[in-house]
Amino acid sequence: MTVVLAVVVLAGVAAIIGYPLLRPGREAPLDPIGPAAQLAALEERKLQIYAAIRELGFDYNTDKLEKADYEEAVDQLKREAVEIVRQIDVLRSQPPRADEALEAEIAAARQPLPAAAPAFAADPGGRAGAFCTQCGAPAAPSDRFCGACGTPLSQTG
């Protein structure tokens, strides 16, 4: 009886430990490609270089590095940092772009609407279709005051 219990416990432990290793893996999310992802990667690399320069300074101050080796390594890292900062500046100077489908939709939405015939063109007094000069609310020809803000409307005709 104890042997069966031990086998069951061992099988349970093996299942718990082995499940993460044997389960079907989730697909890794696609790495976004574009200026935002490139900018994030460059910023991360810049921070890594700064940390490496600080680490080299610590190693030099604790006499783990010779002065010539320290200066050579720091110069190389500084050159790489300057190049990365230049690339970051180039990416930041570019206007942000969305994917092509979204850009096409935005361009279509920006097209001017076709000119429509005025709805109140036959109004002899020129007041039909008028709007309040203060708040822009529509006003009827008989209105003396704006119904939205109370501004007096000029009476013409």
Foldseek 3Di string as FASTA:
>chain_A
DVVVVVVVVVVVVCCVVCVVVPPDDDDDDDQDDDLVSLLVVLVVVLVVLVVVLVVLVVCVVVVVDDPVVSVVVNVVSVVVNVVSVVVNVVSVVDDDDDDPVVVVVVVVVPDDDDDDDDPPPVDPQPQDQDADPPPGHTDHLPDQADPPPGHGDDHTD
